[in-house]
Protein backbone atom coordinates (compact mmCIF):
# COMPACT_ATOMS: atom_id res chain seq x y z
CA MET A 1 18.95 -8.78 -33.55
CA ALA A 2 16.59 -11.74 -31.59
CA LYS A 3 15.64 -11.15 -28.40
CA THR A 4 16.14 -13.50 -25.56
CA ALA A 5 13.35 -13.74 -23.24
CA GLU A 6 15.18 -13.75 -19.96
CA LYS A 7 12.41 -14.36 -17.34
CA VAL A 8 13.24 -11.89 -13.78
CA ARG A 9 13.37 -13.91 -10.88
CA GLU A 10 11.48 -13.29 -7.63
CA PHE A 11 12.17 -14.37 -4.50
CA ARG A 12 9.74 -13.89 -1.42
CA ALA A 13 9.89 -14.27 2.43
CA GLU A 14 6.72 -14.24 4.85
CA ALA A 15 6.00 -13.74 8.06
CA ARG A 16 2.65 -15.09 9.32
CA PHE A 17 0.61 -14.97 12.07
CA GLN A 18 1.74 -11.16 13.24
CA ARG A 19 0.09 -9.57 16.31
CA THR A 20 -1.14 -6.37 14.23
CA SER A 21 -3.44 -5.37 12.10
CA PRO A 22 -2.85 -5.32 8.16
CA GLN A 23 -3.70 -1.68 8.02
CA LYS A 24 -1.02 -0.76 10.43
CA ALA A 25 1.18 -3.05 8.40
CA LYS A 26 0.47 -1.48 5.35
CA LEU A 27 1.80 1.73 6.48
CA VAL A 28 5.01 0.38 6.89
CA LEU A 29 5.05 -1.95 3.66
CA ASP A 30 4.12 1.18 1.73
CA LEU A 31 6.96 3.54 2.58
CA ILE A 32 9.13 0.27 1.16
CA LYS A 33 7.64 -0.44 -2.26
CA GLY A 34 9.41 -0.06 -5.05
CA GLN A 35 12.69 0.92 -3.49
CA ARG A 36 16.02 -0.59 -3.49
CA VAL A 37 16.67 -2.87 -0.79
CA GLU A 38 19.57 -1.00 0.51
CA THR A 39 17.53 1.73 1.05
CA ALA A 40 14.61 0.04 2.12
CA LEU A 41 16.29 -1.06 5.12
CA THR A 42 17.84 2.38 5.85
CA THR A 43 13.94 3.60 5.91
CA VAL A 44 12.50 0.57 7.69
CA ALA A 45 15.48 0.83 10.55
CA PHE A 46 14.07 4.56 11.19
CA THR A 47 10.58 4.00 10.92
CA LYS A 48 8.80 4.43 14.28
CA LYS A 49 6.48 1.82 14.22
CA ARG A 50 5.80 -1.28 16.06
CA ILE A 51 5.63 -3.45 13.29
CA ALA A 52 8.98 -2.42 11.66
CA PRO A 53 11.36 -4.64 12.87
CA VAL A 54 9.46 -7.54 11.61
CA VAL A 55 9.19 -6.04 8.17
CA GLU A 56 12.82 -5.60 8.19
CA LYS A 57 13.59 -9.16 9.59
CA VAL A 58 11.29 -10.41 6.31
CA LEU A 59 13.02 -7.87 3.75
CA ARG A 60 16.75 -9.28 5.10
CA SER A 61 15.33 -12.93 4.81
CA ALA A 62 13.76 -12.41 1.29
CA VAL A 63 17.34 -10.84 0.35
CA GLN A 64 19.07 -14.50 2.05
CA ASN A 65 16.50 -16.55 -0.02
CA ALA A 66 17.86 -14.62 -3.14
CA ASN A 67 21.06 -15.10 -2.03
CA TYR A 68 21.08 -18.96 -1.56
CA LEU A 69 18.78 -19.76 -4.52
CA SER A 70 21.59 -17.77 -6.56
CA GLN A 71 24.31 -20.09 -5.22
CA GLU A 72 22.02 -23.30 -5.19
CA GLN A 73 20.80 -22.95 -8.68
CA GLY A 74 24.05 -21.42 -10.54
CA PHE A 75 22.94 -18.43 -11.85
CA ASP A 76 24.43 -15.00 -11.78
CA LEU A 77 22.37 -12.76 -9.40
CA ASP A 78 23.60 -9.23 -8.19
CA VAL A 79 22.35 -8.45 -4.94
CA ASP A 80 22.96 -5.05 -4.99
CA ASN A 81 20.72 -4.36 -7.85
CA LEU A 82 17.43 -5.97 -6.10
CA TYR A 83 14.40 -3.97 -5.43
CA VAL A 84 11.23 -4.28 -3.35
CA LYS A 85 8.99 -5.53 -6.24
CA GLN A 86 6.18 -6.33 -3.72
CA ALA A 87 5.22 -5.54 -0.47
CA VAL A 88 1.67 -6.97 0.86
CA ALA A 89 -0.05 -7.48 4.51
CA ASN A 90 -2.96 -9.96 4.16
CA GLU A 91 -5.13 -10.70 6.87
CA GLY A 92 -4.94 -13.69 8.90
CA PRO A 93 -7.54 -15.27 11.09
CA ARG A 94 -9.09 -13.42 13.43
CA MET A 95 -8.88 -13.97 17.61
CA LYS A 96 -12.39 -13.58 19.07
CA ARG A 97 -12.20 -11.99 22.95
CA ILE A 98 -14.67 -10.89 25.51
CA ARG A 99 -14.14 -7.21 27.11
CA PRO A 100 -16.41 -7.13 30.56
CA ALA A 101 -19.07 -4.34 30.17
CA PRO A 102 -21.19 -2.86 33.08
CA MET A 103 -23.93 -4.54 34.55
CA GLY A 104 -22.84 -8.01 33.83
CA ARG A 105 -22.51 -7.88 30.14
CA ALA A 106 -19.87 -8.45 27.79
CA PHE A 107 -18.56 -6.71 24.70
CA ARG A 108 -17.00 -8.80 22.13
CA TYR A 109 -13.97 -7.66 20.06
CA GLN A 110 -11.56 -9.25 17.64
CA ARG A 111 -7.51 -8.88 17.69
CA ARG A 112 -6.18 -9.14 14.26
CA LEU A 113 -3.57 -10.93 12.85
CA ALA A 114 -1.71 -10.16 9.95
CA HIS A 115 0.45 -12.03 6.94
CA ILE A 116 3.40 -10.16 5.68
CA ILE A 117 4.89 -10.72 2.19
CA VAL A 118 7.67 -9.10 0.55
CA THR A 119 9.11 -10.17 -2.82
CA VAL A 120 12.24 -8.83 -4.49
CA ALA A 121 13.32 -8.94 -7.73
CA GLU A 122 16.50 -8.11 -9.56
CA ARG A 123 16.17 -5.16 -11.70
CA ARG A 124 16.64 -5.36 -15.48
CA SER A 125 19.75 -3.68 -16.83
CA GLY A 126 21.06 -1.94 -20.18
CA ALA A 127 18.11 -2.49 -22.98
CA ASN A 128 15.53 -4.40 -20.73
CA ALA A 129 15.39 -1.49 -18.13
CA ALA A 130 14.31 1.00 -20.98
CA THR A 131 11.09 -1.30 -21.61
CA ASP A 132 10.57 -1.75 -17.92
CA ALA A 133 10.24 1.68 -17.11
CA THR A 134 8.03 2.09 -19.94
CA GLU A 135 5.98 -0.21 -18.87
CA THR A 136 5.58 0.91 -15.24
CA SER A 137 5.09 4.36 -15.95
CA THR A 138 1.89 3.46 -18.49
CA SER A 139 0.97 0.79 -15.79
CA ALA A 140 1.04 4.02 -13.50
CA LYS A 141 -0.85 6.23 -15.67
CA LYS A 142 -3.65 3.70 -15.92
CA ALA A 143 -3.83 3.21 -12.20
CA GLY A 144 -3.63 7.22 -11.80
CA THR A 145 -6.45 7.77 -14.91
CA LYS A 146 -9.75 8.05 -13.86
CA LYS A 147 -12.89 8.57 -15.53
CA THR A 148 -13.93 11.94 -15.45
CA ALA A 149 -16.92 13.77 -16.88
CA ALA A 150 -15.65 16.70 -19.20
CA LYS A 151 -16.80 19.93 -17.48
CA LYS A 152 -19.13 21.94 -19.42
CA PRO A 153 -19.66 25.62 -19.61
CA ALA A 154 -22.24 26.98 -17.45
CA ALA A 155 -25.37 27.74 -18.42
CA LYS A 156 -26.57 31.16 -18.73
CA LYS A 157 -29.03 31.50 -15.52
CA THR A 158 -32.22 33.22 -16.51
CA ALA A 159 -34.05 36.15 -15.16
CA THR A 160 -35.98 35.48 -12.41
CA LYS A 161 -38.15 37.48 -9.98
CA PRO A 162 -37.08 39.10 -6.88
CA ALA A 163 -38.33 37.21 -3.84
CA ALA A 164 -41.68 38.95 -2.26
CA LYS A 165 -41.07 40.67 0.71
CA LYS A 166 -42.45 39.19 3.65
CA ALA A 167 -45.13 41.41 5.44
CA PRO A 168 -43.84 43.12 8.56
CA ALA A 169 -44.70 40.90 11.97
CA LYS A 170 -47.37 42.00 14.27
CA LYS A 171 -46.25 43.66 17.30
CA ALA A 172 -47.42 41.73 20.47
CA ALA A 173 -49.98 44.54 22.38
CA ALA A 174 -48.65 46.39 25.43
CA LYS A 175 -50.05 45.42 28.81
C-alpha cells in the first residue's frame, strides 16, 4: 500500500503593532492553542482581557484566509475541521516615553507593542490522524520530560557527640 505524502496546509493571519505587551497577549493566546476553531472563538469571546477582541479578529481572519485560498486554488478544505496550530505574540518596537519626576527630574519608561500571529491548519482524517496523535504525544513527552537526578537513598548518619553545655551567664551584681 503506497502512502501519499499529502502536505497539511497552514493558513495564517497577523495583527501587527498592537498596543499591549506580548506577555499579556500570550495569556489569551495560550487559551486557544491546539483547540478547534469553533471552540477557540467561543473561548476568546468570553475572555475578559482587553486584547481578546483583537485575538478573535485575527482568528476569524485566518479562517477566512483558509476559506478564500481553498476556493482560489481549488482544493477541498473542510472549514469545520480547522484547528489553531500556532498562536504567537512577538515583541514589536518599543515606544520610549518620559514621565515627570520630583525635583525637575524625569523617569523613562517603555510602552511595549506586540505582533499577534495565529496559524490554523486542517486536522488530518482517517489513518493520518493516528500518526498525528502519536507525533504530538511524543513531542509532548519530550517537552515535558526533564533530566532529573536519580534519588539516592539517604546515607546513614554517623553518631555525633552531643553539644557541650554552655556555662551559665554571670549575673549582674545587685546595687
